[in-house]
Amino acid sequence: MKSCVNIITFLIFFLALFNVCKLAAEEIIAPDDAYSLDIVGKYIKAPLIEENTIGDARIALVNFTALINEDNYFNGSFIDCKLTAYAAPGRGGFSCGFAQMENVSGYCVITDTKGDSLVSKLECSSGSTMTQNVRCEGRIDFITGTGKYAGVSGFAKLHMDQIFTISEEQIQFSGYLKLPALNLQ
């Protein structure tokens, strides 16, 4: 019986490792008619976190605004996010050894220097890579926009600090977006 448990444990570990390696190896390739993104936004001030505790779980409403100053297309733009975060203590092997597991979701609005806006849905959860500590890893889906962002589509990989342990003071994402309105200009 004990050897069966060891085999099952090994298989679960191998499958988890395989999936983590596959996720880290995935590269986002932008379609020919899309704009590639590689954005870093620095928080203007510390995120506002309203936190509640229910037993061992922590729930928070999070607001932050970041200035984008590293991407040519969005240089000088702002990203404003309203998120909900849920954190529970890690559960040994089921949480990859993380002390705390977080799940974050919500919406962000990127407003460019001309006032046009891009609305996106953000989702991430605890994760780590070989080169990064535990962070919130996930994606941003571009869902709608105003002005030149009307009809936008696309997504980006997201990397940011966990909400309950912010230290980097930035949000980072890379991917692509398609702007049909640009074809009309």
N, C-alpha and C. Protein backbone atom coordinates (compact mmCIF):
# COMPACT_ATOMS: atom_id res chain seq x y z
N MET A 1 0.83 -1.19 0.00
CA MET A 1 0.00 0.00 0.00
C MET A 1 0.87 1.25 0.00
N LYS A 2 1.95 1.20 0.81
CA LYS A 2 2.84 2.36 0.91
C LYS A 2 3.52 2.63 -0.43
N SER A 3 3.93 1.58 -1.15
CA SER A 3 4.56 1.79 -2.46
C SER A 3 3.58 2.37 -3.47
N CYS A 4 2.30 2.01 -3.35
CA CYS A 4 1.29 2.58 -4.24
C CYS A 4 1.14 4.08 -3.98
N VAL A 5 1.15 4.48 -2.71
CA VAL A 5 1.07 5.89 -2.35
C VAL A 5 2.30 6.63 -2.88
N ASN A 6 3.48 6.03 -2.77
CA ASN A 6 4.71 6.64 -3.29
C ASN A 6 4.65 6.81 -4.81
N ILE A 7 4.12 5.82 -5.50
CA ILE A 7 4.01 5.91 -6.95
C ILE A 7 3.03 7.02 -7.34
N ILE A 8 1.89 7.07 -6.67
CA ILE A 8 0.91 8.11 -6.95
C ILE A 8 1.49 9.49 -6.65
N THR A 9 2.19 9.61 -5.53
CA THR A 9 2.83 10.89 -5.19
C THR A 9 3.84 11.29 -6.25
N PHE A 10 4.65 10.34 -6.72
CA PHE A 10 5.63 10.62 -7.77
C PHE A 10 4.94 11.07 -9.06
N LEU A 11 3.86 10.39 -9.44
CA LEU A 11 3.13 10.75 -10.66
C LEU A 11 2.53 12.15 -10.54
N ILE A 12 1.95 12.48 -9.40
CA ILE A 12 1.40 13.82 -9.21
C ILE A 12 2.50 14.86 -9.30
N PHE A 13 3.65 14.58 -8.66
CA PHE A 13 4.78 15.51 -8.72
C PHE A 13 5.26 15.68 -10.16
N PHE A 14 5.40 14.58 -10.90
CA PHE A 14 5.87 14.64 -12.28
C PHE A 14 4.89 15.44 -13.15
N LEU A 15 3.60 15.17 -13.01
CA LEU A 15 2.61 15.91 -13.81
C LEU A 15 2.62 17.40 -13.47
N ALA A 16 2.74 17.73 -12.20
CA ALA A 16 2.80 19.15 -11.81
C ALA A 16 4.05 19.80 -12.39
N LEU A 17 5.20 19.13 -12.31
CA LEU A 17 6.44 19.65 -12.86
C LEU A 17 6.34 19.83 -14.36
N PHE A 18 5.76 18.86 -15.05
CA PHE A 18 5.58 18.95 -16.50
C PHE A 18 4.74 20.16 -16.88
N ASN A 19 3.63 20.38 -16.17
CA ASN A 19 2.75 21.51 -16.46
C ASN A 19 3.44 22.84 -16.18
N VAL A 20 4.22 22.93 -15.11
CA VAL A 20 4.95 24.17 -14.82
C VAL A 20 5.97 24.44 -15.91
N CYS A 21 6.70 23.43 -16.34
CA CYS A 21 7.70 23.61 -17.40
C CYS A 21 7.02 24.02 -18.70
N LYS A 22 5.88 23.40 -19.01
CA LYS A 22 5.16 23.74 -20.23
C LYS A 22 4.70 25.20 -20.19
N LEU A 23 4.19 25.65 -19.04
CA LEU A 23 3.73 27.03 -18.90
C LEU A 23 4.89 27.99 -19.07
N ALA A 24 6.03 27.68 -18.46
CA ALA A 24 7.20 28.56 -18.56
C ALA A 24 7.73 28.61 -19.98
N ALA A 25 7.57 27.52 -20.73
CA ALA A 25 8.13 27.46 -22.08
C ALA A 25 7.22 28.09 -23.13
N GLU A 26 5.95 28.29 -22.79
CA GLU A 26 5.03 28.86 -23.77
C GLU A 26 5.44 30.28 -24.13
N GLU A 27 5.49 30.53 -25.40
CA GLU A 27 5.82 31.86 -25.88
C GLU A 27 4.61 32.39 -26.64
N ILE A 28 4.29 33.64 -26.38
CA ILE A 28 3.16 34.24 -27.08
C ILE A 28 3.66 34.80 -28.40
N ILE A 29 3.08 34.33 -29.48
CA ILE A 29 3.45 34.82 -30.81
C ILE A 29 2.28 35.65 -31.33
N ALA A 30 2.56 36.91 -31.55
CA ALA A 30 1.53 37.83 -32.03
C ALA A 30 1.21 37.54 -33.49
N PRO A 31 -0.08 37.56 -33.85
CA PRO A 31 -0.45 37.43 -35.27
C PRO A 31 0.15 38.59 -36.08
N ASP A 32 0.24 38.41 -37.37
CA ASP A 32 0.85 39.44 -38.24
C ASP A 32 0.14 40.79 -38.15
N ASP A 33 -1.17 40.78 -37.93
CA ASP A 33 -1.92 42.02 -37.89
C ASP A 33 -2.14 42.54 -36.46
N ALA A 34 -1.28 42.12 -35.53
CA ALA A 34 -1.42 42.53 -34.13
C ALA A 34 -0.19 43.29 -33.67
N TYR A 35 -0.36 44.02 -32.59
CA TYR A 35 0.73 44.78 -32.00
C TYR A 35 1.27 44.02 -30.79
N SER A 36 2.58 43.76 -30.77
CA SER A 36 3.20 43.07 -29.63
C SER A 36 3.37 44.02 -28.46
N LEU A 37 3.13 43.50 -27.26
CA LEU A 37 3.24 44.29 -26.04
C LEU A 37 4.32 43.73 -25.13
N ASP A 38 5.03 44.59 -24.48
CA ASP A 38 5.94 44.22 -23.40
C ASP A 38 5.93 45.41 -22.45
N ILE A 39 5.05 45.36 -21.46
CA ILE A 39 4.75 46.53 -20.64
C ILE A 39 5.14 46.32 -19.19
N VAL A 40 5.74 47.35 -18.61
CA VAL A 40 5.99 47.41 -17.17
C VAL A 40 5.36 48.71 -16.68
N GLY A 41 4.48 48.58 -15.70
CA GLY A 41 3.86 49.75 -15.08
C GLY A 41 4.31 49.86 -13.64
N LYS A 42 4.83 51.00 -13.25
CA LYS A 42 5.28 51.23 -11.87
C LYS A 42 4.15 51.87 -11.08
N TYR A 43 3.85 51.30 -9.92
CA TYR A 43 2.78 51.85 -9.09
C TYR A 43 3.09 53.30 -8.73
N ILE A 44 2.10 54.17 -8.86
CA ILE A 44 2.27 55.58 -8.51
C ILE A 44 2.39 55.73 -7.01
N LYS A 45 1.56 55.01 -6.28
CA LYS A 45 1.67 54.91 -4.82
C LYS A 45 1.28 53.49 -4.45
N ALA A 46 1.53 53.12 -3.22
CA ALA A 46 1.24 51.76 -2.78
C ALA A 46 -0.22 51.41 -3.03
N PRO A 47 -0.49 50.18 -3.49
CA PRO A 47 -1.88 49.78 -3.71
C PRO A 47 -2.71 49.92 -2.44
N LEU A 48 -3.95 50.32 -2.60
CA LEU A 48 -4.89 50.44 -1.50
C LEU A 48 -5.53 49.06 -1.31
N ILE A 49 -5.34 48.48 -0.13
CA ILE A 49 -5.83 47.14 0.14
C ILE A 49 -6.76 47.18 1.35
N GLU A 50 -8.01 46.79 1.12
CA GLU A 50 -8.99 46.66 2.20
C GLU A 50 -9.15 45.16 2.45
N GLU A 51 -8.67 44.69 3.60
CA GLU A 51 -8.57 43.26 3.85
C GLU A 51 -9.52 42.80 4.95
N ASN A 52 -10.10 41.61 4.76
CA ASN A 52 -10.92 40.93 5.76
C ASN A 52 -10.39 39.52 5.93
N THR A 53 -10.56 38.97 7.14
CA THR A 53 -10.11 37.62 7.42
C THR A 53 -11.31 36.79 7.84
N ILE A 54 -11.44 35.60 7.25
CA ILE A 54 -12.48 34.65 7.62
C ILE A 54 -11.77 33.33 7.90
N GLY A 55 -11.61 33.00 9.17
CA GLY A 55 -10.83 31.82 9.55
C GLY A 55 -9.39 32.01 9.11
N ASP A 56 -8.86 31.06 8.34
CA ASP A 56 -7.50 31.16 7.82
C ASP A 56 -7.43 31.91 6.49
N ALA A 57 -8.58 32.14 5.88
CA ALA A 57 -8.61 32.79 4.56
C ALA A 57 -8.60 34.31 4.70
N ARG A 58 -7.97 34.95 3.73
CA ARG A 58 -7.93 36.40 3.66
C ARG A 58 -8.56 36.84 2.34
N ILE A 59 -9.41 37.87 2.42
CA ILE A 59 -10.08 38.40 1.23
C ILE A 59 -9.81 39.89 1.20
N ALA A 60 -9.51 40.41 0.03
CA ALA A 60 -9.18 41.83 -0.07
C ALA A 60 -9.74 42.44 -1.34
N LEU A 61 -10.08 43.71 -1.23
CA LEU A 61 -10.37 44.55 -2.38
C LEU A 61 -9.12 45.39 -2.60
N VAL A 62 -8.64 45.45 -3.83
CA VAL A 62 -7.37 46.10 -4.12
C VAL A 62 -7.56 47.11 -5.25
N ASN A 63 -7.02 48.31 -5.06
CA ASN A 63 -7.02 49.34 -6.10
C ASN A 63 -5.59 49.83 -6.27
N PHE A 64 -5.15 49.94 -7.50
CA PHE A 64 -3.86 50.58 -7.75
C PHE A 64 -3.83 51.22 -9.12
N THR A 65 -2.96 52.21 -9.24
CA THR A 65 -2.71 52.88 -10.51
C THR A 65 -1.22 52.83 -10.77
N ALA A 66 -0.85 52.50 -11.99
CA ALA A 66 0.57 52.43 -12.34
C ALA A 66 0.82 53.25 -13.61
N LEU A 67 2.00 53.83 -13.69
CA LEU A 67 2.45 54.59 -14.86
C LEU A 67 3.26 53.68 -15.76
N ILE A 68 2.90 53.63 -17.02
CA ILE A 68 3.62 52.81 -18.00
C ILE A 68 4.67 53.70 -18.65
N ASN A 69 5.94 53.31 -18.53
CA ASN A 69 6.99 54.14 -19.10
C ASN A 69 8.05 53.34 -19.84
N GLU A 70 7.74 52.10 -20.23
CA GLU A 70 8.75 51.29 -20.90
C GLU A 70 8.31 50.75 -22.25
N ASP A 71 7.08 50.98 -22.66
CA ASP A 71 6.60 50.48 -23.94
C ASP A 71 6.35 51.68 -24.86
N ASN A 72 6.87 51.65 -26.07
CA ASN A 72 6.73 52.80 -26.97
C ASN A 72 5.28 53.17 -27.24
N TYR A 73 4.43 52.18 -27.48
CA TYR A 73 3.05 52.44 -27.85
C TYR A 73 2.25 53.04 -26.70
N PHE A 74 2.46 52.55 -25.48
CA PHE A 74 1.72 53.01 -24.31
C PHE A 74 2.55 53.90 -23.39
N ASN A 75 3.67 54.40 -23.85
CA ASN A 75 4.52 55.24 -23.00
C ASN A 75 3.73 56.44 -22.47
N GLY A 76 3.77 56.65 -21.15
CA GLY A 76 3.05 57.75 -20.53
C GLY A 76 1.61 57.43 -20.19
N SER A 77 1.15 56.22 -20.51
CA SER A 77 -0.22 55.81 -20.20
C SER A 77 -0.32 55.36 -18.74
N PHE A 78 -1.56 55.27 -18.26
CA PHE A 78 -1.81 54.80 -16.91
C PHE A 78 -2.63 53.52 -16.97
N ILE A 79 -2.37 52.61 -16.04
CA ILE A 79 -3.20 51.42 -15.87
C ILE A 79 -3.80 51.51 -14.48
N ASP A 80 -5.12 51.46 -14.42
CA ASP A 80 -5.87 51.58 -13.17
C ASP A 80 -6.62 50.27 -12.96
N CYS A 81 -6.34 49.56 -11.85
CA CYS A 81 -6.93 48.24 -11.62
C CYS A 81 -7.76 48.21 -10.35
N LYS A 82 -8.88 47.50 -10.43
CA LYS A 82 -9.78 47.21 -9.31
C LYS A 82 -9.88 45.69 -9.24
N LEU A 83 -9.33 45.11 -8.17
CA LEU A 83 -9.21 43.66 -8.10
C LEU A 83 -9.77 43.11 -6.80
N THR A 84 -10.10 41.83 -6.82
CA THR A 84 -10.46 41.09 -5.64
C THR A 84 -9.42 39.99 -5.47
N ALA A 85 -8.90 39.86 -4.24
CA ALA A 85 -7.87 38.85 -3.97
C ALA A 85 -8.35 37.92 -2.86
N TYR A 86 -8.08 36.64 -3.03
CA TYR A 86 -8.42 35.64 -2.04
C TYR A 86 -7.14 34.88 -1.74
N ALA A 87 -6.81 34.74 -0.45
CA ALA A 87 -5.60 34.02 -0.07
C ALA A 87 -5.94 33.01 1.02
N ALA A 88 -5.37 31.84 0.89
CA ALA A 88 -5.53 30.79 1.89
C ALA A 88 -4.15 30.21 2.18
N PRO A 89 -3.95 29.69 3.39
CA PRO A 89 -2.64 29.10 3.70
C PRO A 89 -2.33 27.95 2.74
N GLY A 90 -1.05 27.78 2.44
CA GLY A 90 -0.63 26.67 1.59
C GLY A 90 -0.95 25.35 2.25
N ARG A 91 -1.15 24.34 1.45
CA ARG A 91 -1.51 23.02 1.97
C ARG A 91 -0.47 21.98 1.54
N GLY A 92 0.77 22.19 1.92
CA GLY A 92 1.81 21.21 1.63
C GLY A 92 1.98 20.97 0.15
N GLY A 93 1.92 19.70 -0.27
CA GLY A 93 2.15 19.32 -1.66
C GLY A 93 1.13 19.88 -2.63
N PHE A 94 -0.08 20.16 -2.17
CA PHE A 94 -1.11 20.68 -3.06
C PHE A 94 -0.88 22.15 -3.41
N SER A 95 -0.02 22.84 -2.66
CA SER A 95 0.24 24.25 -2.96
C SER A 95 1.68 24.47 -3.39
N CYS A 96 2.34 23.41 -3.85
CA CYS A 96 3.73 23.48 -4.32
C CYS A 96 4.66 24.03 -3.25
N GLY A 97 4.30 23.89 -2.00
CA GLY A 97 5.16 24.37 -0.92
C GLY A 97 5.02 25.84 -0.61
N PHE A 98 4.14 26.57 -1.31
CA PHE A 98 3.96 27.99 -1.05
C PHE A 98 3.31 28.16 0.33
N ALA A 99 3.75 29.16 1.08
CA ALA A 99 3.16 29.43 2.39
C ALA A 99 1.72 29.92 2.25
N GLN A 100 1.43 30.55 1.13
CA GLN A 100 0.10 31.11 0.91
C GLN A 100 -0.25 31.01 -0.56
N MET A 101 -1.46 30.61 -0.85
CA MET A 101 -1.95 30.55 -2.23
C MET A 101 -2.89 31.73 -2.45
N GLU A 102 -2.70 32.46 -3.53
CA GLU A 102 -3.56 33.59 -3.84
C GLU A 102 -4.24 33.40 -5.19
N ASN A 103 -5.47 33.87 -5.25
CA ASN A 103 -6.21 33.95 -6.51
C ASN A 103 -6.71 35.38 -6.62
N VAL A 104 -6.41 36.02 -7.75
CA VAL A 104 -6.75 37.43 -7.94
C VAL A 104 -7.51 37.57 -9.25
N SER A 105 -8.56 38.39 -9.23
CA SER A 105 -9.28 38.67 -10.47
C SER A 105 -9.90 40.06 -10.38
N GLY A 106 -10.15 40.63 -11.54
CA GLY A 106 -10.76 41.95 -11.59
C GLY A 106 -10.55 42.58 -12.96
N TYR A 107 -10.69 43.89 -12.99
CA TYR A 107 -10.59 44.62 -14.25
C TYR A 107 -9.58 45.75 -14.16
N CYS A 108 -8.94 46.04 -15.28
CA CYS A 108 -7.99 47.14 -15.39
C CYS A 108 -8.36 47.98 -16.60
N VAL A 109 -8.13 49.28 -16.49
CA VAL A 109 -8.35 50.19 -17.60
C VAL A 109 -7.02 50.88 -17.89
N ILE A 110 -6.55 50.77 -19.13
CA ILE A 110 -5.35 51.48 -19.56
C ILE A 110 -5.83 52.71 -20.31
N THR A 111 -5.40 53.88 -19.86
CA THR A 111 -5.77 55.14 -20.51
C THR A 111 -4.51 55.76 -21.09
N ASP A 112 -4.51 55.99 -22.41
CA ASP A 112 -3.32 56.54 -23.05
C ASP A 112 -3.27 58.06 -22.90
N THR A 113 -2.23 58.65 -23.43
CA THR A 113 -2.00 60.09 -23.27
C THR A 113 -3.03 60.94 -24.01
N LYS A 114 -3.78 60.33 -24.95
CA LYS A 114 -4.82 61.07 -25.69
C LYS A 114 -6.21 60.86 -25.10
N GLY A 115 -6.31 60.06 -24.02
CA GLY A 115 -7.59 59.83 -23.36
C GLY A 115 -8.36 58.61 -23.82
N ASP A 116 -7.85 57.88 -24.82
CA ASP A 116 -8.50 56.65 -25.25
C ASP A 116 -8.22 55.56 -24.22
N SER A 117 -9.20 54.67 -23.99
CA SER A 117 -9.07 53.66 -22.95
C SER A 117 -9.22 52.25 -23.49
N LEU A 118 -8.57 51.33 -22.81
CA LEU A 118 -8.57 49.92 -23.14
C LEU A 118 -8.96 49.18 -21.86
N VAL A 119 -10.05 48.39 -21.91
CA VAL A 119 -10.53 47.66 -20.73
C VAL A 119 -10.05 46.22 -20.83
N SER A 120 -9.55 45.70 -19.71
CA SER A 120 -9.03 44.34 -19.70
C SER A 120 -9.47 43.61 -18.44
N LYS A 121 -9.58 42.29 -18.55
CA LYS A 121 -9.88 41.42 -17.42
C LYS A 121 -8.58 40.78 -16.98
N LEU A 122 -8.29 40.86 -15.68
CA LEU A 122 -7.06 40.33 -15.11
C LEU A 122 -7.39 39.13 -14.24
N GLU A 123 -6.63 38.05 -14.39
CA GLU A 123 -6.74 36.87 -13.54
C GLU A 123 -5.36 36.30 -13.32
N CYS A 124 -5.04 36.02 -12.05
CA CYS A 124 -3.76 35.39 -11.77
C CYS A 124 -3.84 34.60 -10.47
N SER A 125 -2.86 33.74 -10.27
CA SER A 125 -2.77 32.97 -9.04
C SER A 125 -1.30 32.74 -8.72
N SER A 126 -1.04 32.25 -7.52
CA SER A 126 0.34 32.06 -7.07
C SER A 126 1.08 31.14 -8.01
N GLY A 127 2.30 31.52 -8.29
CA GLY A 127 3.16 30.72 -9.15
C GLY A 127 4.58 31.20 -9.03
N SER A 128 5.52 30.39 -9.46
CA SER A 128 6.92 30.81 -9.45
C SER A 128 7.61 30.20 -10.66
N THR A 129 8.73 30.78 -11.00
CA THR A 129 9.54 30.27 -12.09
C THR A 129 10.94 30.04 -11.57
N MET A 130 11.79 29.55 -12.43
CA MET A 130 13.17 29.30 -12.00
C MET A 130 13.90 30.61 -11.68
N THR A 131 13.46 31.71 -12.27
CA THR A 131 14.16 32.98 -12.07
C THR A 131 13.41 33.96 -11.18
N GLN A 132 12.19 33.65 -10.80
CA GLN A 132 11.37 34.56 -9.99
C GLN A 132 10.89 33.86 -8.73
N ASN A 133 10.73 34.64 -7.66
CA ASN A 133 10.10 34.12 -6.45
C ASN A 133 8.61 33.98 -6.71
N VAL A 134 7.88 33.59 -5.67
CA VAL A 134 6.45 33.43 -5.80
C VAL A 134 5.82 34.76 -6.21
N ARG A 135 5.04 34.72 -7.26
CA ARG A 135 4.38 35.91 -7.79
C ARG A 135 2.97 35.52 -8.21
N CYS A 136 2.20 36.49 -8.59
CA CYS A 136 0.89 36.24 -9.16
C CYS A 136 1.09 36.11 -10.66
N GLU A 137 0.91 34.92 -11.18
CA GLU A 137 1.12 34.62 -12.59
C GLU A 137 -0.24 34.37 -13.24
N GLY A 138 -0.48 34.97 -14.39
CA GLY A 138 -1.77 34.76 -15.04
C GLY A 138 -1.83 35.46 -16.37
N ARG A 139 -2.99 36.08 -16.64
CA ARG A 139 -3.16 36.72 -17.93
C ARG A 139 -4.10 37.92 -17.83
N ILE A 140 -3.96 38.77 -18.82
CA ILE A 140 -4.86 39.89 -19.02
C ILE A 140 -5.50 39.70 -20.39
N ASP A 141 -6.83 39.75 -20.43
CA ASP A 141 -7.56 39.66 -21.70
C ASP A 141 -8.09 41.03 -22.03
N PHE A 142 -7.79 41.52 -23.22
CA PHE A 142 -8.28 42.82 -23.67
C PHE A 142 -9.68 42.61 -24.23
N ILE A 143 -10.69 43.28 -23.61
CA ILE A 143 -12.08 42.95 -23.95
C ILE A 143 -12.84 44.07 -24.65
N THR A 144 -12.50 45.32 -24.43
CA THR A 144 -13.20 46.41 -25.11
C THR A 144 -12.37 47.68 -24.98
N GLY A 145 -12.80 48.71 -25.66
CA GLY A 145 -12.07 49.97 -25.57
C GLY A 145 -12.84 51.12 -26.16
N THR A 146 -12.29 52.31 -25.99
CA THR A 146 -12.88 53.52 -26.57
C THR A 146 -11.89 54.12 -27.56
N GLY A 147 -12.38 54.97 -28.45
CA GLY A 147 -11.51 55.62 -29.43
C GLY A 147 -10.81 54.61 -30.31
N LYS A 148 -9.52 54.73 -30.43
CA LYS A 148 -8.77 53.83 -31.30
C LYS A 148 -8.74 52.39 -30.80
N TYR A 149 -9.16 52.16 -29.54
CA TYR A 149 -9.19 50.80 -28.99
C TYR A 149 -10.54 50.11 -29.17
N ALA A 150 -11.50 50.75 -29.84
CA ALA A 150 -12.80 50.13 -30.10
C ALA A 150 -12.58 48.85 -30.92
N GLY A 151 -13.18 47.77 -30.50
CA GLY A 151 -13.05 46.49 -31.20
C GLY A 151 -11.77 45.74 -30.89
N VAL A 152 -11.05 46.13 -29.86
CA VAL A 152 -9.78 45.50 -29.51
C VAL A 152 -9.98 44.03 -29.14
N SER A 153 -8.94 43.24 -29.37
CA SER A 153 -8.89 41.86 -28.91
C SER A 153 -7.43 41.54 -28.62
N GLY A 154 -7.21 40.44 -27.91
CA GLY A 154 -5.86 40.02 -27.59
C GLY A 154 -5.71 39.69 -26.12
N PHE A 155 -4.50 39.28 -25.75
CA PHE A 155 -4.24 38.96 -24.35
C PHE A 155 -2.74 39.07 -24.09
N ALA A 156 -2.39 38.99 -22.81
CA ALA A 156 -0.98 39.06 -22.41
C ALA A 156 -0.76 38.21 -21.17
N LYS A 157 0.44 37.66 -21.05
CA LYS A 157 0.85 36.99 -19.82
C LYS A 157 1.11 38.06 -18.77
N LEU A 158 0.72 37.78 -17.56
CA LEU A 158 0.81 38.74 -16.46
C LEU A 158 1.78 38.23 -15.40
N HIS A 159 2.59 39.15 -14.88
CA HIS A 159 3.49 38.86 -13.77
C HIS A 159 3.43 40.04 -12.81
N MET A 160 3.05 39.79 -11.57
CA MET A 160 3.06 40.84 -10.56
C MET A 160 3.22 40.20 -9.19
N ASP A 161 3.58 41.02 -8.21
CA ASP A 161 3.69 40.51 -6.86
C ASP A 161 2.36 39.98 -6.37
N GLN A 162 2.43 39.06 -5.43
CA GLN A 162 1.20 38.65 -4.76
C GLN A 162 0.62 39.86 -4.05
N ILE A 163 -0.66 39.98 -4.00
CA ILE A 163 -1.34 41.14 -3.44
C ILE A 163 -1.01 41.34 -1.96
N PHE A 164 -0.93 40.26 -1.20
CA PHE A 164 -0.74 40.38 0.24
C PHE A 164 0.73 40.55 0.63
N THR A 165 1.64 40.48 -0.33
CA THR A 165 3.07 40.62 -0.04
C THR A 165 3.76 41.46 -1.10
N ILE A 166 3.22 42.61 -1.40
CA ILE A 166 3.76 43.45 -2.48
C ILE A 166 5.14 43.99 -2.09
N SER A 167 6.11 43.83 -3.00
CA SER A 167 7.44 44.38 -2.77
C SER A 167 8.02 45.03 -4.02
N GLU A 168 7.70 44.52 -5.21
CA GLU A 168 8.28 45.02 -6.45
C GLU A 168 7.71 46.36 -6.90
N GLU A 169 6.47 46.63 -6.53
CA GLU A 169 5.80 47.88 -6.89
C GLU A 169 5.64 48.06 -8.39
N GLN A 170 5.32 46.96 -9.09
CA GLN A 170 5.08 47.06 -10.53
C GLN A 170 4.20 45.93 -11.01
N ILE A 171 3.59 46.15 -12.15
CA ILE A 171 2.83 45.13 -12.85
C ILE A 171 3.50 44.98 -14.22
N GLN A 172 3.61 43.75 -14.69
CA GLN A 172 4.33 43.50 -15.94
C GLN A 172 3.51 42.52 -16.78
N PHE A 173 3.36 42.82 -18.06
CA PHE A 173 2.70 41.87 -18.94
C PHE A 173 3.23 41.97 -20.35
N SER A 174 3.17 40.83 -21.05
CA SER A 174 3.62 40.80 -22.44
C SER A 174 2.68 39.90 -23.23
N GLY A 175 2.38 40.34 -24.43
CA GLY A 175 1.47 39.61 -25.29
C GLY A 175 1.19 40.40 -26.54
N TYR A 176 -0.08 40.48 -26.93
CA TYR A 176 -0.42 41.24 -28.14
C TYR A 176 -1.85 41.76 -28.04
N LEU A 177 -2.12 42.76 -28.86
CA LEU A 177 -3.48 43.23 -29.05
C LEU A 177 -3.69 43.58 -30.51
N LYS A 178 -4.92 43.38 -30.94
CA LYS A 178 -5.31 43.71 -32.31
C LYS A 178 -6.21 44.93 -32.24
N LEU A 179 -5.92 45.91 -33.08
CA LEU A 179 -6.66 47.17 -33.10
C LEU A 179 -7.28 47.39 -34.46
N PRO A 180 -8.49 46.95 -34.69
CA PRO A 180 -9.10 47.16 -36.01
C PRO A 180 -9.28 48.62 -36.36
N ALA A 181 -9.44 49.49 -35.38
CA ALA A 181 -9.63 50.92 -35.64
C ALA A 181 -8.38 51.55 -36.26
N LEU A 182 -7.22 50.98 -36.00
CA LEU A 182 -5.99 51.55 -36.59
C LEU A 182 -5.98 51.39 -38.10
N ASN A 183 -6.64 50.37 -38.60
CA ASN A 183 -6.69 50.17 -40.05
C ASN A 183 -7.51 51.23 -40.75
N LEU A 184 -8.38 51.91 -40.00
CA LEU A 184 -9.25 52.93 -40.59
C LEU A 184 -8.59 54.29 -40.61
N GLN A 185 -7.52 54.49 -39.86
CA GLN A 185 -6.89 55.81 -39.76
C GLN A 185 -5.94 56.07 -40.91
